[in-house]
Amino acid sequence: MKTNRLIVVARMIGTYGIILGYFVTLHVSTFFGAMLNVIFESLALPFYIKNKMWDVVIMFAFLLTIGISKIIMGFDPQFQFMKIAMGLT
């Protein structure tokens, strides 16, 4: 019973965090917004898997791949936005 409550709380925090992540992506930084989205989508995912909501699981898997690719691109020094953020140019 305690596991159900924990998963529900994690889903609620994850859902609000995803909204925060998209706000950060749009208004602050794509890199940090992608990091927040990956963290909070991963936090919310177990609830949807446990309750067999496969359409949401597939959508989150797709969004996680986008977020992870943005994070990987952010660590690549060849990309101009990271050079600017690190003060290399």
PDB file of N, CA and C in Angstrom:
ATOM      1  N   MET A   1       0.819  -1.198   0.000  1.00  0.00           N
ATOM      2  CA  MET A   1       0.000   0.000   0.000  1.00  0.00           C
ATOM      3  C   MET A   1       0.858   1.254   0.000  1.00  0.00           C
ATOM      4  N   LYS A   2       1.977   1.221   0.751  1.00  0.00           N
ATOM      5  CA  LYS A   2       2.861   2.376   0.816  1.00  0.00           C
ATOM      6  C   LYS A   2       3.526   2.639  -0.534  1.00  0.00           C
ATOM      7  N   THR A   3       3.790   1.558  -1.298  1.00  0.00           N
ATOM      8  CA  THR A   3       4.393   1.711  -2.618  1.00  0.00           C
ATOM      9  C   THR A   3       3.456   2.470  -3.552  1.00  0.00           C
ATOM     10  N   ASN A   4       2.156   2.170  -3.481  1.00  0.00           N
ATOM     11  CA  ASN A   4       1.189   2.878  -4.319  1.00  0.00           C
ATOM     12  C   ASN A   4       1.201   4.375  -4.020  1.00  0.00           C
ATOM     13  N   ARG A   5       1.224   4.700  -2.763  1.00  0.00           N
ATOM     14  CA  ARG A   5       1.247   6.122  -2.376  1.00  0.00           C
ATOM     15  C   ARG A   5       2.515   6.809  -2.871  1.00  0.00           C
ATOM     16  N   LEU A   6       3.643   6.121  -2.755  1.00  0.00           N
ATOM     17  CA  LEU A   6       4.911   6.675  -3.213  1.00  0.00           C
ATOM     18  C   LEU A   6       4.893   6.913  -4.723  1.00  0.00           C
ATOM     19  N   ILE A   7       4.358   5.964  -5.477  1.00  0.00           N
ATOM     20  CA  ILE A   7       4.290   6.108  -6.926  1.00  0.00           C
ATOM     21  C   ILE A   7       3.351   7.247  -7.321  1.00  0.00           C
ATOM     22  N   VAL A   8       2.241   7.387  -6.612  1.00  0.00           N
ATOM     23  CA  VAL A   8       1.301   8.468  -6.906  1.00  0.00           C
ATOM     24  C   VAL A   8       1.931   9.830  -6.608  1.00  0.00           C
ATOM     25  N   VAL A   9       2.623   9.938  -5.484  1.00  0.00           N
ATOM     26  CA  VAL A   9       3.296  11.199  -5.150  1.00  0.00           C
ATOM     27  C   VAL A   9       4.386  11.504  -6.174  1.00  0.00           C
ATOM     28  N   ALA A  10       5.140  10.476  -6.585  1.00  0.00           N
ATOM     29  CA  ALA A  10       6.179  10.677  -7.606  1.00  0.00           C
ATOM     30  C   ALA A  10       5.568  11.138  -8.918  1.00  0.00           C
ATOM     31  N   ARG A  11       4.397  10.591  -9.290  1.00  0.00           N
ATOM     32  CA  ARG A  11       3.727  11.029 -10.517  1.00  0.00           C
ATOM     33  C   ARG A  11       3.307  12.485 -10.416  1.00  0.00           C
ATOM     34  N   MET A  12       2.770  12.875  -9.259  1.00  0.00           N
ATOM     35  CA  MET A  12       2.333  14.264  -9.094  1.00  0.00           C
ATOM     36  C   MET A  12       3.512  15.223  -9.168  1.00  0.00           C
ATOM     37  N   ILE A  13       4.595  14.892  -8.491  1.00  0.00           N
ATOM     38  CA  ILE A  13       5.788  15.741  -8.546  1.00  0.00           C
ATOM     39  C   ILE A  13       6.343  15.756  -9.967  1.00  0.00           C
ATOM     40  N   GLY A  14       6.374  14.597 -10.611  1.00  0.00           N
ATOM     41  CA  GLY A  14       6.867  14.506 -11.980  1.00  0.00           C
ATOM     42  C   GLY A  14       6.046  15.310 -12.964  1.00  0.00           C
ATOM     43  N   THR A  15       4.732  15.275 -12.810  1.00  0.00           N
ATOM     44  CA  THR A  15       3.863  16.016 -13.724  1.00  0.00           C
ATOM     45  C   THR A  15       4.089  17.520 -13.603  1.00  0.00           C
ATOM     46  N   TYR A  16       4.148  18.015 -12.383  1.00  0.00           N
ATOM     47  CA  TYR A  16       4.412  19.450 -12.202  1.00  0.00           C
ATOM     48  C   TYR A  16       5.827  19.805 -12.645  1.00  0.00           C
ATOM     49  N   GLY A  17       6.769  18.897 -12.427  1.00  0.00           N
ATOM     50  CA  GLY A  17       8.145  19.139 -12.843  1.00  0.00           C
ATOM     51  C   GLY A  17       8.303  19.182 -14.347  1.00  0.00           C
ATOM     52  N   ILE A  18       7.518  18.371 -15.060  1.00  0.00           N
ATOM     53  CA  ILE A  18       7.561  18.400 -16.528  1.00  0.00           C
ATOM     54  C   ILE A  18       7.122  19.766 -17.036  1.00  0.00           C
ATOM     55  N   ILE A  19       6.094  20.316 -16.430  1.00  0.00           N
ATOM     56  CA  ILE A  19       5.641  21.654 -16.809  1.00  0.00           C
ATOM     57  C   ILE A  19       6.744  22.671 -16.527  1.00  0.00           C
ATOM     58  N   LEU A  20       7.385  22.567 -15.374  1.00  0.00           N
ATOM     59  CA  LEU A  20       8.506  23.441 -15.043  1.00  0.00           C
ATOM     60  C   LEU A  20       9.637  23.280 -16.061  1.00  0.00           C
ATOM     61  N   GLY A  21       9.919  22.042 -16.447  1.00  0.00           N
ATOM     62  CA  GLY A  21      10.969  21.781 -17.424  1.00  0.00           C
ATOM     63  C   GLY A  21      10.691  22.430 -18.765  1.00  0.00           C
ATOM     64  N   TYR A  22       9.439  22.388 -19.211  1.00  0.00           N
ATOM     65  CA  TYR A  22       9.105  23.037 -20.473  1.00  0.00           C
ATOM     66  C   TYR A  22       9.193  24.557 -20.357  1.00  0.00           C
ATOM     67  N   PHE A  23       8.834  25.104 -19.210  1.00  0.00           N
ATOM     68  CA  PHE A  23       8.991  26.547 -18.996  1.00  0.00           C
ATOM     69  C   PHE A  23      10.467  26.937 -19.074  1.00  0.00           C
ATOM     70  N   VAL A  24      11.322  26.162 -18.417  1.00  0.00           N
ATOM     71  CA  VAL A  24      12.759  26.440 -18.450  1.00  0.00           C
ATOM     72  C   VAL A  24      13.295  26.299 -19.873  1.00  0.00           C
ATOM     73  N   THR A  25      12.826  25.291 -20.598  1.00  0.00           N
ATOM     74  CA  THR A  25      13.257  25.099 -21.981  1.00  0.00           C
ATOM     75  C   THR A  25      12.917  26.309 -22.835  1.00  0.00           C
ATOM     76  N   LEU A  26      11.722  26.853 -22.659  1.00  0.00           N
ATOM     77  CA  LEU A  26      11.276  27.969 -23.495  1.00  0.00           C
ATOM     78  C   LEU A  26      11.886  29.300 -23.087  1.00  0.00           C
ATOM     79  N   HIS A  27      12.087  29.522 -21.807  1.00  0.00           N
ATOM     80  CA  HIS A  27      12.437  30.862 -21.349  1.00  0.00           C
ATOM     81  C   HIS A  27      13.838  31.002 -20.766  1.00  0.00           C
ATOM     82  N   VAL A  28      14.504  29.899 -20.439  1.00  0.00           N
ATOM     83  CA  VAL A  28      15.812  30.011 -19.787  1.00  0.00           C
ATOM     84  C   VAL A  28      16.888  29.335 -20.626  1.00  0.00           C
ATOM     85  N   SER A  29      16.840  28.002 -20.703  1.00  0.00           N
ATOM     86  CA  SER A  29      17.907  27.252 -21.366  1.00  0.00           C
ATOM     87  C   SER A  29      17.365  25.917 -21.865  1.00  0.00           C
ATOM     88  N   THR A  30      17.650  25.616 -23.112  1.00  0.00           N
ATOM     89  CA  THR A  30      17.226  24.336 -23.672  1.00  0.00           C
ATOM     90  C   THR A  30      17.904  23.176 -22.952  1.00  0.00           C
ATOM     91  N   PHE A  31      19.178  23.340 -22.662  1.00  0.00           N
ATOM     92  CA  PHE A  31      19.948  22.285 -22.009  1.00  0.00           C
ATOM     93  C   PHE A  31      19.398  21.960 -20.621  1.00  0.00           C
ATOM     94  N   PHE A  32      19.230  22.982 -19.781  1.00  0.00           N
ATOM     95  CA  PHE A  32      18.738  22.739 -18.421  1.00  0.00           C
ATOM     96  C   PHE A  32      17.271  22.320 -18.415  1.00  0.00           C
ATOM     97  N   GLY A  33      16.491  22.832 -19.350  1.00  0.00           N
ATOM     98  CA  GLY A  33      15.103  22.385 -19.472  1.00  0.00           C
ATOM     99  C   GLY A  33      15.017  20.919 -19.853  1.00  0.00           C
ATOM    100  N   ALA A  34      15.904  20.483 -20.753  1.00  0.00           N
ATOM    101  CA  ALA A  34      15.931  19.066 -21.132  1.00  0.00           C
ATOM    102  C   ALA A  34      16.337  18.198 -19.946  1.00  0.00           C
ATOM    103  N   MET A  35      17.278  18.688 -19.147  1.00  0.00           N
ATOM    104  CA  MET A  35      17.676  17.932 -17.951  1.00  0.00           C
ATOM    105  C   MET A  35      16.504  17.777 -16.985  1.00  0.00           C
ATOM    106  N   LEU A  36      15.775  18.857 -16.762  1.00  0.00           N
ATOM    107  CA  LEU A  36      14.608  18.781 -15.869  1.00  0.00           C
ATOM    108  C   LEU A  36      13.553  17.838 -16.430  1.00  0.00           C
ATOM    109  N   ASN A  37      13.296  17.923 -17.731  1.00  0.00           N
ATOM    110  CA  ASN A  37      12.291  17.048 -18.331  1.00  0.00           C
ATOM    111  C   ASN A  37      12.660  15.580 -18.189  1.00  0.00           C
ATOM    112  N   VAL A  38      13.914  15.242 -18.433  1.00  0.00           N
ATOM    113  CA  VAL A  38      14.342  13.846 -18.314  1.00  0.00           C
ATOM    114  C   VAL A  38      14.182  13.368 -16.869  1.00  0.00           C
ATOM    115  N   ILE A  39      14.571  14.182 -15.920  1.00  0.00           N
ATOM    116  CA  ILE A  39      14.460  13.799 -14.506  1.00  0.00           C
ATOM    117  C   ILE A  39      13.004  13.585 -14.118  1.00  0.00           C
ATOM    118  N   PHE A  40      12.148  14.557 -14.438  1.00  0.00           N
ATOM    119  CA  PHE A  40      10.760  14.470 -13.984  1.00  0.00           C
ATOM    120  C   PHE A  40       9.933  13.466 -14.781  1.00  0.00           C
ATOM    121  N   GLU A  41      10.244  13.270 -16.068  1.00  0.00           N
ATOM    122  CA  GLU A  41       9.547  12.225 -16.819  1.00  0.00           C
ATOM    123  C   GLU A  41       9.916  10.848 -16.276  1.00  0.00           C
ATOM    124  N   SER A  42      11.182  10.679 -15.907  1.00  0.00           N
ATOM    125  CA  SER A  42      11.608   9.409 -15.312  1.00  0.00           C
ATOM    126  C   SER A  42      10.946   9.187 -13.955  1.00  0.00           C
ATOM    127  N   LEU A  43      10.690  10.262 -13.249  1.00  0.00           N
ATOM    128  CA  LEU A  43      10.032  10.171 -11.946  1.00  0.00           C
ATOM    129  C   LEU A  43       8.560   9.758 -12.096  1.00  0.00           C
ATOM    130  N   ALA A  44       7.901  10.256 -13.129  1.00  0.00           N
ATOM    131  CA  ALA A  44       6.476   9.972 -13.325  1.00  0.00           C
ATOM    132  C   ALA A  44       6.224   8.646 -14.037  1.00  0.00           C
ATOM    133  N   LEU A  45       7.206   8.136 -14.755  1.00  0.00           N
ATOM    134  CA  LEU A  45       7.019   6.952 -15.594  1.00  0.00           C
ATOM    135  C   LEU A  45       6.556   5.692 -14.850  1.00  0.00           C
ATOM    136  N   PRO A  46       7.068   5.366 -13.659  1.00  0.00           N
ATOM    137  CA  PRO A  46       6.619   4.118 -12.997  1.00  0.00           C
ATOM    138  C   PRO A  46       5.114   4.046 -12.739  1.00  0.00           C
ATOM    139  N   PHE A  47       4.483   5.183 -12.463  1.00  0.00           N
ATOM    140  CA  PHE A  47       3.034   5.180 -12.241  1.00  0.00           C
ATOM    141  C   PHE A  47       2.297   4.689 -13.482  1.00  0.00           C
ATOM    142  N   TYR A  48       2.703   5.195 -14.633  1.00  0.00           N
ATOM    143  CA  TYR A  48       2.016   4.838 -15.875  1.00  0.00           C
ATOM    144  C   TYR A  48       2.307   3.404 -16.290  1.00  0.00           C
ATOM    145  N   ILE A  49       3.503   2.912 -15.987  1.00  0.00           N
ATOM    146  CA  ILE A  49       3.815   1.507 -16.277  1.00  0.00           C
ATOM    147  C   ILE A  49       3.001   0.595 -15.361  1.00  0.00           C
ATOM    148  N   LYS A  50       2.935   0.926 -14.073  1.00  0.00           N
ATOM    149  CA  LYS A  50       2.187   0.102 -13.108  1.00  0.00           C
ATOM    150  C   LYS A  50       0.706   0.033 -13.450  1.00  0.00           C
ATOM    151  N   ASN A  51       0.150   1.147 -13.934  1.00  0.00           N
ATOM    152  CA  ASN A  51      -1.275   1.178 -14.259  1.00  0.00           C
ATOM    153  C   ASN A  51      -1.560   0.858 -15.724  1.00  0.00           C
ATOM    154  N   LYS A  52      -0.528   0.375 -16.439  1.00  0.00           N
ATOM    155  CA  LYS A  52      -0.658  -0.097 -17.823  1.00  0.00           C
ATOM    156  C   LYS A  52      -1.253   0.956 -18.751  1.00  0.00           C
ATOM    157  N   MET A  53      -0.813   2.180 -18.601  1.00  0.00           N
ATOM    158  CA  MET A  53      -1.212   3.261 -19.499  1.00  0.00           C
ATOM    159  C   MET A  53      -0.155   3.374 -20.594  1.00  0.00           C
ATOM    160  N   TRP A  54      -0.211   2.440 -21.545  1.00  0.00           N
ATOM    161  CA  TRP A  54       0.876   2.272 -22.497  1.00  0.00           C
ATOM    162  C   TRP A  54       1.000   3.441 -23.464  1.00  0.00           C
ATOM    163  N   ASP A  55      -0.095   4.132 -23.748  1.00  0.00           N
ATOM    164  CA  ASP A  55       0.014   5.289 -24.633  1.00  0.00           C
ATOM    165  C   ASP A  55       0.875   6.386 -24.000  1.00  0.00           C
ATOM    166  N   VAL A  56       0.729   6.596 -22.707  1.00  0.00           N
ATOM    167  CA  VAL A  56       1.536   7.597 -22.003  1.00  0.00           C
ATOM    168  C   VAL A  56       2.976   7.118 -21.883  1.00  0.00           C
ATOM    169  N   VAL A  57       3.169   5.817 -21.655  1.00  0.00           N
ATOM    170  CA  VAL A  57       4.526   5.267 -21.562  1.00  0.00           C
ATOM    171  C   VAL A  57       5.266   5.457 -22.881  1.00  0.00           C
ATOM    172  N   ILE A  58       4.596   5.196 -23.994  1.00  0.00           N
ATOM    173  CA  ILE A  58       5.220   5.376 -25.309  1.00  0.00           C
ATOM    174  C   ILE A  58       5.526   6.845 -25.558  1.00  0.00           C
ATOM    175  N   MET A  59       4.599   7.730 -25.195  1.00  0.00           N
ATOM    176  CA  MET A  59       4.841   9.161 -25.372  1.00  0.00           C
ATOM    177  C   MET A  59       6.030   9.611 -24.519  1.00  0.00           C
ATOM    178  N   PHE A  60       6.097   9.164 -23.260  1.00  0.00           N
ATOM    179  CA  PHE A  60       7.230   9.530 -22.396  1.00  0.00           C
ATOM    180  C   PHE A  60       8.541   8.969 -22.943  1.00  0.00           C
ATOM    181  N   ALA A  61       8.509   7.754 -23.478  1.00  0.00           N
ATOM    182  CA  ALA A  61       9.725   7.177 -24.060  1.00  0.00           C
ATOM    183  C   ALA A  61      10.214   8.034 -25.222  1.00  0.00           C
ATOM    184  N   PHE A  62       9.285   8.488 -26.042  1.00  0.00           N
ATOM    185  CA  PHE A  62       9.640   9.373 -27.158  1.00  0.00           C
ATOM    186  C   PHE A  62      10.202  10.691 -26.642  1.00  0.00           C
ATOM    187  N   LEU A  63       9.550  11.296 -25.663  1.00  0.00           N
ATOM    188  CA  LEU A  63      10.030  12.564 -25.111  1.00  0.00           C
ATOM    189  C   LEU A  63      11.365  12.397 -24.374  1.00  0.00           C
ATOM    190  N   LEU A  64      11.564  11.250 -23.729  1.00  0.00           N
ATOM    191  CA  LEU A  64      12.845  10.991 -23.070  1.00  0.00           C
ATOM    192  C   LEU A  64      13.983  10.891 -24.079  1.00  0.00           C
ATOM    193  N   THR A  65      13.734  10.275 -25.226  1.00  0.00           N
ATOM    194  CA  THR A  65      14.791  10.198 -26.238  1.00  0.00           C
ATOM    195  C   THR A  65      15.135  11.581 -26.768  1.00  0.00           C
ATOM    196  N   ILE A  66      14.143  12.438 -26.931  1.00  0.00           N
ATOM    197  CA  ILE A  66      14.414  13.813 -27.358  1.00  0.00           C
ATOM    198  C   ILE A  66      15.232  14.538 -26.299  1.00  0.00           C
ATOM    199  N   GLY A  67      14.831  14.426 -25.043  1.00  0.00           N
ATOM    200  CA  GLY A  67      15.542  15.098 -23.964  1.00  0.00           C
ATOM    201  C   GLY A  67      16.966  14.600 -23.807  1.00  0.00           C
ATOM    202  N   ILE A  68      17.151  13.297 -23.881  1.00  0.00           N
ATOM    203  CA  ILE A  68      18.501  12.740 -23.746  1.00  0.00           C
ATOM    204  C   ILE A  68      19.381  13.187 -24.902  1.00  0.00           C
ATOM    205  N   SER A  69      18.818  13.245 -26.112  1.00  0.00           N
ATOM    206  CA  SER A  69      19.629  13.714 -27.248  1.00  0.00           C
ATOM    207  C   SER A  69      20.009  15.184 -27.079  1.00  0.00           C
ATOM    208  N   LYS A  70      19.121  16.001 -26.523  1.00  0.00           N
ATOM    209  CA  LYS A  70      19.457  17.409 -26.256  1.00  0.00           C
ATOM    210  C   LYS A  70      20.559  17.521 -25.209  1.00  0.00           C
ATOM    211  N   ILE A  71      20.519  16.672 -24.204  1.00  0.00           N
ATOM    212  CA  ILE A  71      21.560  16.694 -23.175  1.00  0.00           C
ATOM    213  C   ILE A  71      22.904  16.273 -23.776  1.00  0.00           C
ATOM    214  N   ILE A  72      22.897  15.231 -24.593  1.00  0.00           N
ATOM    215  CA  ILE A  72      24.136  14.786 -25.234  1.00  0.00           C
ATOM    216  C   ILE A  72      24.691  15.878 -26.143  1.00  0.00           C
ATOM    217  N   MET A  73      23.842  16.540 -26.894  1.00  0.00           N
ATOM    218  CA  MET A  73      24.292  17.636 -27.755  1.00  0.00           C
ATOM    219  C   MET A  73      24.840  18.787 -26.923  1.00  0.00           C
ATOM    220  N   GLY A  74      24.296  18.995 -25.734  1.00  0.00           N
ATOM    221  CA  GLY A  74      24.767  20.060 -24.871  1.00  0.00           C
ATOM    222  C   GLY A  74      26.168  19.817 -24.354  1.00  0.00           C
ATOM    223  N   PHE A  75      26.564  18.552 -24.225  1.00  0.00           N
ATOM    224  CA  PHE A  75      27.903  18.232 -23.752  1.00  0.00           C
ATOM    225  C   PHE A  75      28.932  18.212 -24.876  1.00  0.00           C
ATOM    226  N   ASP A  76      28.499  18.295 -26.126  1.00  0.00           N
ATOM    227  CA  ASP A  76      29.416  18.279 -27.260  1.00  0.00           C
ATOM    228  C   ASP A  76      30.003  19.676 -27.461  1.00  0.00           C
ATOM    229  N   PRO A  77      31.317  19.838 -27.346  1.00  0.00           N
ATOM    230  CA  PRO A  77      31.908  21.176 -27.445  1.00  0.00           C
ATOM    231  C   PRO A  77      31.833  21.770 -28.842  1.00  0.00           C
ATOM    232  N   GLN A  78      31.425  20.998 -29.842  1.00  0.00           N
ATOM    233  CA  GLN A  78      31.319  21.524 -31.200  1.00  0.00           C
ATOM    234  C   GLN A  78      30.103  22.433 -31.385  1.00  0.00           C
ATOM    235  N   PHE A  79      29.155  22.356 -30.491  1.00  0.00           N
ATOM    236  CA  PHE A  79      27.944  23.149 -30.633  1.00  0.00           C
ATOM    237  C   PHE A  79      28.159  24.550 -30.085  1.00  0.00           C
ATOM    238  N   GLN A  80      27.729  25.525 -30.822  1.00  0.00           N
ATOM    239  CA  GLN A  80      28.009  26.926 -30.525  1.00  0.00           C
ATOM    240  C   GLN A  80      27.400  27.384 -29.196  1.00  0.00           C
ATOM    241  N   PHE A  81      26.198  26.935 -28.869  1.00  0.00           N
ATOM    242  CA  PHE A  81      25.551  27.443 -27.662  1.00  0.00           C
ATOM    243  C   PHE A  81      26.295  27.043 -26.403  1.00  0.00           C
ATOM    244  N   MET A  82      26.954  25.886 -26.403  1.00  0.00           N
ATOM    245  CA  MET A  82      27.742  25.522 -25.224  1.00  0.00           C
ATOM    246  C   MET A  82      29.049  26.291 -25.160  1.00  0.00           C
ATOM    247  N   LYS A  83      29.603  26.625 -26.331  1.00  0.00           N
ATOM    248  CA  LYS A  83      30.816  27.447 -26.337  1.00  0.00           C
ATOM    249  C   LYS A  83      30.520  28.806 -25.732  1.00  0.00           C
ATOM    250  N   ILE A  84      29.386  29.362 -26.065  1.00  0.00           N
ATOM    251  CA  ILE A  84      29.000  30.661 -25.523  1.00  0.00           C
ATOM    252  C   ILE A  84      28.746  30.543 -24.023  1.00  0.00           C
ATOM    253  N   ALA A  85      28.030  29.478 -23.626  1.00  0.00           N
ATOM    254  CA  ALA A  85      27.705  29.303 -22.204  1.00  0.00           C
ATOM    255  C   ALA A  85      28.961  29.091 -21.362  1.00  0.00           C
ATOM    256  N   MET A  86      29.964  28.455 -21.926  1.00  0.00           N
ATOM    257  CA  MET A  86      31.192  28.200 -21.181  1.00  0.00           C
ATOM    258  C   MET A  86      32.195  29.342 -21.325  1.00  0.00           C
ATOM    259  N   GLY A  87      31.861  30.339 -22.136  1.00  0.00           N
ATOM    260  CA  GLY A  87      32.742  31.493 -22.298  1.00  0.00           C
ATOM    261  C   GLY A  87      33.955  31.213 -23.158  1.00  0.00           C
ATOM    262  N   LEU A  88      33.850  30.272 -24.096  1.00  0.00           N
ATOM    263  CA  LEU A  88      34.986  29.908 -24.929  1.00  0.00           C
ATOM    264  C   LEU A  88      35.124  30.798 -26.175  1.00  0.00           C
ATOM    265  N   THR A  89      34.080  31.547 -26.511  1.00  0.00           N
ATOM    266  CA  THR A  89      34.175  32.394 -27.710  1.00  0.00           C
ATOM    267  C   THR A  89      34.260  33.853 -27.358  1.00  0.00           C
TER     268      THR A  89
END
